[in-house]
């Protein structure tokens, strides 16, 4: 009976540790260096610029199609 309680206690502890670790996000803990944050910021700016380029190209393509079919 005592052995069974020890096993249940051990399994409970392991499950609790896994549950706690699954909710921890390493990026939100402040472990990211400022250099890495600069890289992320630069990448986000580049993504925004690429999205704008895509929109301009789509507009240009639409104008070209309109010219061809008219």
N, C-alpha and C. Protein backbone atom coordinates (compact mmCIF):
# COMPACT_ATOMS: atom_id res chain seq x y z
N UNK A 1 0.83 -1.19 0.00
CA UNK A 1 0.00 0.00 0.00
C UNK A 1 0.87 1.25 0.00
N UNK A 2 1.93 1.25 0.79
CA UNK A 2 2.82 2.40 0.86
C UNK A 2 3.54 2.61 -0.47
N UNK A 3 3.93 1.52 -1.10
CA UNK A 3 4.62 1.59 -2.38
C UNK A 3 3.70 2.21 -3.45
N UNK A 4 2.44 1.83 -3.38
CA UNK A 4 1.46 2.33 -4.34
C UNK A 4 1.28 3.84 -4.17
N UNK A 5 1.24 4.34 -2.95
CA UNK A 5 1.11 5.77 -2.70
C UNK A 5 2.35 6.52 -3.20
N UNK A 6 3.53 5.93 -3.05
CA UNK A 6 4.76 6.55 -3.53
C UNK A 6 4.75 6.65 -5.06
N UNK A 7 4.27 5.62 -5.73
CA UNK A 7 4.20 5.63 -7.19
C UNK A 7 3.20 6.69 -7.66
N UNK A 8 2.05 6.75 -7.03
CA UNK A 8 1.04 7.75 -7.39
C UNK A 8 1.59 9.16 -7.15
N UNK A 9 2.28 9.36 -6.04
CA UNK A 9 2.87 10.66 -5.74
C UNK A 9 3.93 11.02 -6.79
N UNK A 10 4.77 10.08 -7.16
CA UNK A 10 5.80 10.33 -8.16
C UNK A 10 5.21 10.67 -9.52
N UNK A 11 4.19 9.94 -9.92
CA UNK A 11 3.54 10.22 -11.20
C UNK A 11 2.87 11.59 -11.18
N UNK A 12 2.25 11.94 -10.07
CA UNK A 12 1.61 13.24 -9.93
C UNK A 12 2.63 14.37 -10.06
N UNK A 13 3.76 14.22 -9.41
CA UNK A 13 4.82 15.23 -9.49
C UNK A 13 5.32 15.37 -10.93
N UNK A 14 5.53 14.27 -11.59
CA UNK A 14 6.02 14.29 -12.98
C UNK A 14 5.00 14.98 -13.89
N UNK A 15 3.72 14.67 -13.72
CA UNK A 15 2.67 15.29 -14.53
C UNK A 15 2.62 16.80 -14.26
N UNK A 16 2.73 17.21 -13.01
CA UNK A 16 2.71 18.64 -12.68
C UNK A 16 3.91 19.36 -13.29
N UNK A 17 5.08 18.76 -13.23
CA UNK A 17 6.27 19.38 -13.81
C UNK A 17 6.11 19.54 -15.32
N UNK A 18 5.62 18.52 -15.98
CA UNK A 18 5.41 18.60 -17.43
C UNK A 18 4.37 19.66 -17.76
N UNK A 19 3.31 19.76 -16.97
CA UNK A 19 2.28 20.77 -17.22
C UNK A 19 2.84 22.18 -17.07
N UNK A 20 3.63 22.41 -16.04
CA UNK A 20 4.23 23.73 -15.81
C UNK A 20 5.20 24.07 -16.94
N UNK A 21 6.03 23.12 -17.32
CA UNK A 21 7.01 23.38 -18.38
C UNK A 21 6.34 23.62 -19.73
N UNK A 22 5.19 23.06 -19.96
CA UNK A 22 4.51 23.26 -21.24
C UNK A 22 3.93 24.66 -21.36
N UNK A 23 3.66 25.34 -20.23
CA UNK A 23 3.11 26.69 -20.27
C UNK A 23 4.19 27.76 -20.30
N UNK A 24 5.44 27.41 -20.10
CA UNK A 24 6.51 28.39 -20.09
C UNK A 24 6.99 28.61 -21.51
N UNK A 25 6.97 29.88 -21.94
CA UNK A 25 7.44 30.26 -23.27
C UNK A 25 8.81 30.91 -23.10
N UNK A 26 9.87 30.33 -23.62
CA UNK A 26 11.21 30.85 -23.38
C UNK A 26 11.44 32.24 -23.93
N UNK A 27 10.71 32.65 -24.95
CA UNK A 27 10.90 33.99 -25.51
C UNK A 27 10.35 35.04 -24.57
N UNK A 28 9.27 34.76 -23.87
CA UNK A 28 8.66 35.74 -22.98
C UNK A 28 9.40 35.89 -21.66
N UNK A 29 10.36 35.05 -21.39
CA UNK A 29 11.06 35.10 -20.11
C UNK A 29 12.20 36.09 -20.08
N UNK A 30 12.46 36.79 -21.18
CA UNK A 30 13.52 37.77 -21.20
C UNK A 30 14.89 37.17 -21.43
N UNK A 31 14.96 35.95 -21.90
CA UNK A 31 16.24 35.30 -22.15
C UNK A 31 16.78 35.63 -23.54
N UNK A 32 16.07 36.47 -24.29
CA UNK A 32 16.48 36.82 -25.64
C UNK A 32 17.41 38.02 -25.55
N UNK A 33 18.55 37.93 -26.20
CA UNK A 33 19.51 39.02 -26.14
C UNK A 33 19.03 40.19 -27.01
N UNK A 34 19.60 41.36 -26.77
CA UNK A 34 19.21 42.53 -27.54
C UNK A 34 19.60 42.38 -29.01
N UNK A 35 20.69 41.65 -29.26
CA UNK A 35 21.12 41.41 -30.64
C UNK A 35 20.05 40.61 -31.38
N UNK A 36 19.52 39.59 -30.72
CA UNK A 36 18.47 38.77 -31.33
C UNK A 36 17.20 39.60 -31.56
N UNK A 37 16.89 40.49 -30.63
CA UNK A 37 15.71 41.34 -30.80
C UNK A 37 15.89 42.28 -31.99
N UNK A 38 17.11 42.78 -32.19
CA UNK A 38 17.39 43.63 -33.35
C UNK A 38 17.20 42.86 -34.64
N UNK A 39 17.64 41.61 -34.65
CA UNK A 39 17.48 40.78 -35.85
C UNK A 39 15.99 40.54 -36.13
N UNK A 40 15.23 40.26 -35.09
CA UNK A 40 13.79 40.03 -35.25
C UNK A 40 13.12 41.30 -35.78
N UNK A 41 13.50 42.44 -35.24
CA UNK A 41 12.92 43.71 -35.69
C UNK A 41 13.24 43.96 -37.16
N UNK A 42 14.48 43.71 -37.54
CA UNK A 42 14.87 43.88 -38.94
C UNK A 42 14.09 42.94 -39.86
N UNK A 43 13.91 41.71 -39.42
CA UNK A 43 13.14 40.75 -40.22
C UNK A 43 11.68 41.16 -40.35
N UNK A 44 11.10 41.69 -39.28
CA UNK A 44 9.72 42.15 -39.36
C UNK A 44 9.58 43.32 -40.33
N UNK A 45 10.55 44.23 -40.33
CA UNK A 45 10.53 45.34 -41.29
C UNK A 45 10.65 44.83 -42.72
N UNK A 46 11.52 43.84 -42.92
CA UNK A 46 11.69 43.27 -44.25
C UNK A 46 10.41 42.57 -44.71
N UNK A 47 9.73 41.89 -43.80
CA UNK A 47 8.47 41.23 -44.14
C UNK A 47 7.43 42.26 -44.56
N UNK A 48 7.34 43.37 -43.82
CA UNK A 48 6.40 44.41 -44.19
C UNK A 48 6.71 44.99 -45.57
N UNK A 49 7.98 45.20 -45.84
CA UNK A 49 8.38 45.74 -47.14
C UNK A 49 8.05 44.74 -48.26
N UNK A 50 8.28 43.47 -48.02
CA UNK A 50 7.95 42.46 -49.02
C UNK A 50 6.45 42.39 -49.28
N UNK A 51 5.65 42.55 -48.24
CA UNK A 51 4.20 42.57 -48.41
C UNK A 51 3.78 43.75 -49.28
N UNK A 52 4.40 44.90 -49.06
CA UNK A 52 4.09 46.07 -49.89
C UNK A 52 4.51 45.83 -51.34
N UNK A 53 5.65 45.20 -51.53
CA UNK A 53 6.10 44.88 -52.89
C UNK A 53 5.12 43.93 -53.58
N UNK A 54 4.62 42.97 -52.85
CA UNK A 54 3.65 42.03 -53.42
C UNK A 54 2.38 42.77 -53.84
N UNK A 55 1.91 43.68 -52.99
CA UNK A 55 0.71 44.44 -53.33
C UNK A 55 0.93 45.27 -54.59
N UNK A 56 2.08 45.92 -54.70
CA UNK A 56 2.37 46.72 -55.90
C UNK A 56 2.44 45.84 -57.14
N UNK A 57 3.06 44.69 -57.01
CA UNK A 57 3.15 43.78 -58.16
C UNK A 57 1.79 43.26 -58.57
N UNK A 58 0.93 42.97 -57.60
CA UNK A 58 -0.42 42.52 -57.93
C UNK A 58 -1.18 43.62 -58.65
N UNK A 59 -1.02 44.87 -58.20
CA UNK A 59 -1.68 45.99 -58.88
C UNK A 59 -1.15 46.14 -60.30
N UNK A 60 0.14 46.01 -60.44
CA UNK A 60 0.75 46.12 -61.77
C UNK A 60 0.27 45.00 -62.68
N UNK A 61 0.18 43.81 -62.15
CA UNK A 61 -0.31 42.68 -62.93
C UNK A 61 -1.75 42.90 -63.36
N UNK A 62 -2.56 43.43 -62.47
CA UNK A 62 -3.95 43.71 -62.80
C UNK A 62 -4.04 44.73 -63.92
N UNK A 63 -3.24 45.78 -63.82
CA UNK A 63 -3.24 46.81 -64.86
C UNK A 63 -2.78 46.22 -66.20
N UNK A 64 -1.80 45.35 -66.16
CA UNK A 64 -1.31 44.72 -67.39
C UNK A 64 -2.37 43.83 -68.01
N UNK A 65 -3.06 43.04 -67.21
CA UNK A 65 -4.14 42.18 -67.70
C UNK A 65 -5.26 43.04 -68.29
N UNK A 66 -5.57 44.12 -67.62
CA UNK A 66 -6.63 45.00 -68.10
C UNK A 66 -6.26 45.60 -69.46
N UNK A 67 -4.99 45.97 -69.63
CA UNK A 67 -4.52 46.52 -70.89
C UNK A 67 -4.58 45.47 -72.00
N UNK A 68 -4.19 44.24 -71.68
CA UNK A 68 -4.16 43.17 -72.68
C UNK A 68 -5.58 42.82 -73.15
N UNK A 69 -6.54 42.74 -72.24
CA UNK A 69 -7.88 42.29 -72.59
C UNK A 69 -8.76 43.40 -73.14
N UNK A 70 -8.33 44.62 -73.03
CA UNK A 70 -9.18 45.71 -73.54
C UNK A 70 -8.89 46.01 -74.93
